[in-house]
């Protein structure tokens, strides 16, 4: 899988595990993602994929590097796709 495919797959997993917000975004904690068996099987380097997605402005979270245990409660927000954001605004 290349980086773009991993970021796309990460988005799908955040939608599966997260809670949809009024603006069309999804929120999930790092601990939920990190401890999910399916995510563990998909992502060889979850933290690296999260950083790549953040750099591409696909998602946001506080800080630069997330570590298991220390950052389990950090919320990761998957930004809504432009079409989803427009629909949520109506």
N, C-alpha and C. Protein backbone atom coordinates (compact mmCIF):
# COMPACT_ATOMS: atom_id res chain seq x y z
N UNK A 1 0.85 -1.18 0.00
CA UNK A 1 0.00 0.00 0.00
C UNK A 1 0.89 1.24 0.00
N UNK A 2 0.57 2.21 -0.85
CA UNK A 2 1.32 3.45 -0.81
C UNK A 2 0.69 4.40 0.21
N UNK A 3 1.31 5.54 0.42
CA UNK A 3 0.87 6.46 1.47
C UNK A 3 -0.55 6.95 1.23
N UNK A 4 -0.87 7.29 -0.02
CA UNK A 4 -2.22 7.78 -0.32
C UNK A 4 -3.27 6.72 -0.02
N UNK A 5 -2.98 5.48 -0.36
CA UNK A 5 -3.91 4.38 -0.07
C UNK A 5 -4.07 4.19 1.43
N UNK A 6 -2.96 4.29 2.16
CA UNK A 6 -3.03 4.13 3.62
C UNK A 6 -3.85 5.24 4.26
N UNK A 7 -3.67 6.47 3.79
CA UNK A 7 -4.44 7.60 4.33
C UNK A 7 -5.93 7.40 4.04
N UNK A 8 -6.24 6.93 2.84
CA UNK A 8 -7.64 6.66 2.48
C UNK A 8 -8.21 5.55 3.36
N UNK A 9 -7.45 4.51 3.59
CA UNK A 9 -7.90 3.40 4.44
C UNK A 9 -8.06 3.86 5.89
N UNK A 10 -7.15 4.71 6.35
CA UNK A 10 -7.26 5.27 7.70
C UNK A 10 -8.55 6.06 7.84
N UNK A 11 -8.90 6.82 6.84
CA UNK A 11 -10.16 7.59 6.86
C UNK A 11 -11.34 6.64 7.02
N UNK A 12 -11.32 5.53 6.31
CA UNK A 12 -12.41 4.55 6.41
C UNK A 12 -12.48 3.97 7.82
N UNK A 13 -11.34 3.68 8.40
CA UNK A 13 -11.32 3.10 9.75
C UNK A 13 -11.78 4.11 10.80
N UNK A 14 -11.44 5.37 10.62
CA UNK A 14 -11.91 6.41 11.56
C UNK A 14 -13.42 6.53 11.46
N UNK A 15 -13.96 6.43 10.26
CA UNK A 15 -15.42 6.47 10.10
C UNK A 15 -16.07 5.26 10.76
N UNK A 16 -15.42 4.11 10.66
CA UNK A 16 -15.97 2.89 11.27
C UNK A 16 -15.96 2.97 12.79
N UNK A 17 -14.87 3.48 13.35
CA UNK A 17 -14.70 3.48 14.81
C UNK A 17 -15.17 4.76 15.49
N UNK A 18 -15.22 5.86 14.74
CA UNK A 18 -15.49 7.16 15.34
C UNK A 18 -16.96 7.51 15.41
N UNK A 19 -17.20 8.69 15.94
CA UNK A 19 -18.56 9.22 16.05
C UNK A 19 -18.68 10.41 15.12
N UNK A 20 -19.75 10.42 14.32
CA UNK A 20 -19.97 11.53 13.39
C UNK A 20 -20.38 12.77 14.18
N UNK A 21 -19.89 13.92 13.73
CA UNK A 21 -20.18 15.19 14.38
C UNK A 21 -21.17 15.97 13.50
N UNK A 22 -21.74 17.03 14.05
CA UNK A 22 -22.74 17.82 13.33
C UNK A 22 -22.20 18.42 12.03
N UNK A 23 -20.90 18.71 11.99
CA UNK A 23 -20.32 19.32 10.79
C UNK A 23 -19.88 18.30 9.74
N UNK A 24 -20.15 17.01 9.99
CA UNK A 24 -19.78 15.97 9.04
C UNK A 24 -18.43 15.34 9.31
N UNK A 25 -17.71 15.86 10.30
CA UNK A 25 -16.41 15.27 10.66
C UNK A 25 -16.66 14.04 11.55
N UNK A 26 -15.60 13.28 11.78
CA UNK A 26 -15.66 12.12 12.67
C UNK A 26 -14.58 12.27 13.72
N UNK A 27 -14.89 11.86 14.95
CA UNK A 27 -13.90 11.91 16.04
C UNK A 27 -13.72 10.53 16.63
N UNK A 28 -12.45 10.22 16.91
CA UNK A 28 -12.09 8.96 17.55
C UNK A 28 -10.85 9.23 18.39
N UNK A 29 -10.65 8.49 19.46
CA UNK A 29 -9.44 8.68 20.26
C UNK A 29 -8.32 7.81 19.69
N UNK A 30 -7.09 8.25 19.93
CA UNK A 30 -5.93 7.50 19.48
C UNK A 30 -5.94 6.09 20.07
N UNK A 31 -6.31 5.97 21.33
CA UNK A 31 -6.34 4.66 21.99
C UNK A 31 -7.30 3.70 21.30
N UNK A 32 -8.45 4.21 20.88
CA UNK A 32 -9.43 3.37 20.17
C UNK A 32 -8.83 2.84 18.87
N UNK A 33 -8.18 3.72 18.12
CA UNK A 33 -7.55 3.31 16.86
C UNK A 33 -6.42 2.32 17.12
N UNK A 34 -5.55 2.68 18.06
CA UNK A 34 -4.35 1.89 18.31
C UNK A 34 -4.68 0.49 18.81
N UNK A 35 -5.73 0.38 19.62
CA UNK A 35 -6.08 -0.91 20.23
C UNK A 35 -7.05 -1.74 19.41
N UNK A 36 -7.49 -1.24 18.27
CA UNK A 36 -8.41 -1.98 17.42
C UNK A 36 -7.64 -3.05 16.65
N UNK A 37 -8.11 -4.30 16.73
CA UNK A 37 -7.41 -5.41 16.06
C UNK A 37 -7.34 -5.23 14.55
N UNK A 38 -8.42 -4.75 13.95
CA UNK A 38 -8.43 -4.56 12.50
C UNK A 38 -7.39 -3.53 12.07
N UNK A 39 -7.31 -2.42 12.81
CA UNK A 39 -6.32 -1.38 12.50
C UNK A 39 -4.91 -1.93 12.68
N UNK A 40 -4.72 -2.72 13.71
CA UNK A 40 -3.39 -3.30 13.96
C UNK A 40 -2.96 -4.20 12.80
N UNK A 41 -3.92 -4.89 12.18
CA UNK A 41 -3.60 -5.76 11.06
C UNK A 41 -3.38 -4.99 9.76
N UNK A 42 -4.01 -3.83 9.62
CA UNK A 42 -3.92 -3.04 8.39
C UNK A 42 -2.67 -2.17 8.37
N UNK A 43 -2.44 -1.45 9.46
CA UNK A 43 -1.40 -0.42 9.48
C UNK A 43 -0.15 -0.90 10.19
N UNK A 44 0.92 -1.02 9.42
CA UNK A 44 2.20 -1.41 9.97
C UNK A 44 2.75 -0.31 10.87
N UNK A 45 2.52 0.93 10.47
CA UNK A 45 3.01 2.09 11.22
C UNK A 45 1.88 3.11 11.35
N UNK A 46 0.97 2.86 12.27
CA UNK A 46 -0.21 3.72 12.45
C UNK A 46 0.19 5.17 12.68
N UNK A 47 1.16 5.40 13.54
CA UNK A 47 1.58 6.77 13.87
C UNK A 47 2.09 7.48 12.61
N UNK A 48 2.84 6.77 11.78
CA UNK A 48 3.33 7.36 10.54
C UNK A 48 2.20 7.71 9.59
N UNK A 49 1.20 6.84 9.51
CA UNK A 49 0.05 7.11 8.65
C UNK A 49 -0.74 8.30 9.18
N UNK A 50 -0.89 8.39 10.50
CA UNK A 50 -1.57 9.55 11.09
C UNK A 50 -0.84 10.84 10.76
N UNK A 51 0.48 10.83 10.87
CA UNK A 51 1.27 12.03 10.56
C UNK A 51 1.13 12.41 9.09
N UNK A 52 1.13 11.42 8.20
CA UNK A 52 0.97 11.69 6.77
C UNK A 52 -0.40 12.30 6.49
N UNK A 53 -1.43 11.77 7.14
CA UNK A 53 -2.79 12.29 6.95
C UNK A 53 -2.92 13.71 7.51
N UNK A 54 -2.26 13.97 8.63
CA UNK A 54 -2.29 15.31 9.21
C UNK A 54 -1.59 16.31 8.30
N UNK A 55 -0.46 15.90 7.74
CA UNK A 55 0.28 16.76 6.82
C UNK A 55 -0.56 17.11 5.60
N UNK A 56 -1.40 16.18 5.16
CA UNK A 56 -2.27 16.39 3.99
C UNK A 56 -3.58 17.06 4.38
N UNK A 57 -3.72 17.42 5.66
CA UNK A 57 -4.90 18.09 6.20
C UNK A 57 -6.18 17.26 6.07
N UNK A 58 -6.01 15.94 6.08
CA UNK A 58 -7.15 15.03 6.06
C UNK A 58 -7.75 14.93 7.46
N UNK A 59 -6.88 15.05 8.47
CA UNK A 59 -7.33 14.98 9.85
C UNK A 59 -6.50 15.91 10.72
N UNK A 60 -6.97 16.11 11.94
CA UNK A 60 -6.26 16.97 12.88
C UNK A 60 -6.20 16.28 14.24
N UNK A 61 -5.16 16.61 14.99
CA UNK A 61 -5.04 16.19 16.39
C UNK A 61 -3.97 17.06 17.03
N UNK A 62 -4.00 17.14 18.35
CA UNK A 62 -3.04 17.94 19.10
C UNK A 62 -1.69 17.24 19.14
N UNK A 63 -0.64 17.99 18.96
CA UNK A 63 0.71 17.45 19.07
C UNK A 63 1.23 16.94 17.74
N UNK A 64 2.46 16.46 17.79
CA UNK A 64 3.11 15.94 16.58
C UNK A 64 3.17 14.42 16.58
N UNK A 65 3.57 13.85 17.70
CA UNK A 65 3.79 12.41 17.79
C UNK A 65 2.89 11.83 18.87
N UNK A 66 2.12 10.80 18.51
CA UNK A 66 1.22 10.15 19.46
C UNK A 66 1.84 8.83 19.91
N UNK A 67 1.82 8.61 21.21
CA UNK A 67 2.40 7.39 21.78
C UNK A 67 1.33 6.62 22.55
N UNK A 68 1.37 5.29 22.41
CA UNK A 68 0.42 4.45 23.12
C UNK A 68 0.53 4.68 24.62
N UNK A 69 -0.61 4.71 25.27
CA UNK A 69 -0.65 4.91 26.72
C UNK A 69 -0.69 6.38 27.07
N UNK A 70 0.35 7.10 26.71
CA UNK A 70 0.45 8.53 27.03
C UNK A 70 -0.63 9.34 26.34
N UNK A 71 -0.92 9.02 25.08
CA UNK A 71 -1.84 9.82 24.27
C UNK A 71 -3.13 9.08 23.90
N UNK A 72 -3.50 8.07 24.65
CA UNK A 72 -4.69 7.28 24.33
C UNK A 72 -5.97 8.12 24.26
N UNK A 73 -6.04 9.20 25.03
CA UNK A 73 -7.25 10.01 25.06
C UNK A 73 -7.23 11.20 24.10
N UNK A 74 -6.19 11.32 23.29
CA UNK A 74 -6.12 12.41 22.32
C UNK A 74 -7.15 12.16 21.23
N UNK A 75 -7.98 13.19 20.97
CA UNK A 75 -9.01 13.05 19.93
C UNK A 75 -8.42 13.33 18.56
N UNK A 76 -8.73 12.46 17.63
CA UNK A 76 -8.34 12.62 16.24
C UNK A 76 -9.62 12.96 15.49
N UNK A 77 -9.58 14.05 14.74
CA UNK A 77 -10.75 14.49 13.98
C UNK A 77 -10.50 14.32 12.51
N UNK A 78 -11.32 13.50 11.86
CA UNK A 78 -11.28 13.33 10.42
C UNK A 78 -12.10 14.46 9.83
N UNK A 79 -11.44 15.34 9.10
CA UNK A 79 -12.13 16.48 8.52
C UNK A 79 -13.16 16.01 7.50
N UNK A 80 -14.30 16.70 7.43
CA UNK A 80 -15.32 16.26 6.47
C UNK A 80 -14.85 16.51 5.04
N UNK A 81 -15.27 15.63 4.15
CA UNK A 81 -15.01 15.85 2.72
C UNK A 81 -15.81 17.08 2.31
N UNK A 82 -15.38 17.83 1.31
CA UNK A 82 -16.11 19.05 0.91
C UNK A 82 -17.60 18.81 0.67
N UNK A 83 -17.98 17.71 0.05
CA UNK A 83 -19.39 17.42 -0.21
C UNK A 83 -20.15 17.17 1.11
N UNK A 84 -19.50 16.48 2.05
CA UNK A 84 -20.12 16.20 3.35
C UNK A 84 -20.30 17.49 4.15
N UNK A 85 -19.30 18.37 4.08
CA UNK A 85 -19.36 19.64 4.81
C UNK A 85 -20.49 20.51 4.27
N UNK A 86 -20.67 20.53 2.96
CA UNK A 86 -21.75 21.31 2.36
C UNK A 86 -23.11 20.76 2.76
N UNK A 87 -23.24 19.43 2.79
CA UNK A 87 -24.51 18.81 3.18
C UNK A 87 -24.82 19.08 4.65
N UNK A 88 -23.80 19.07 5.51
CA UNK A 88 -24.00 19.32 6.94
C UNK A 88 -24.42 20.77 7.19
N UNK A 89 -23.96 21.68 6.33
CA UNK A 89 -24.27 23.09 6.50
C UNK A 89 -25.73 23.39 6.14
N UNK A 90 -26.33 22.53 5.32
CA UNK A 90 -27.72 22.79 4.88
C UNK A 90 -28.73 22.28 5.85
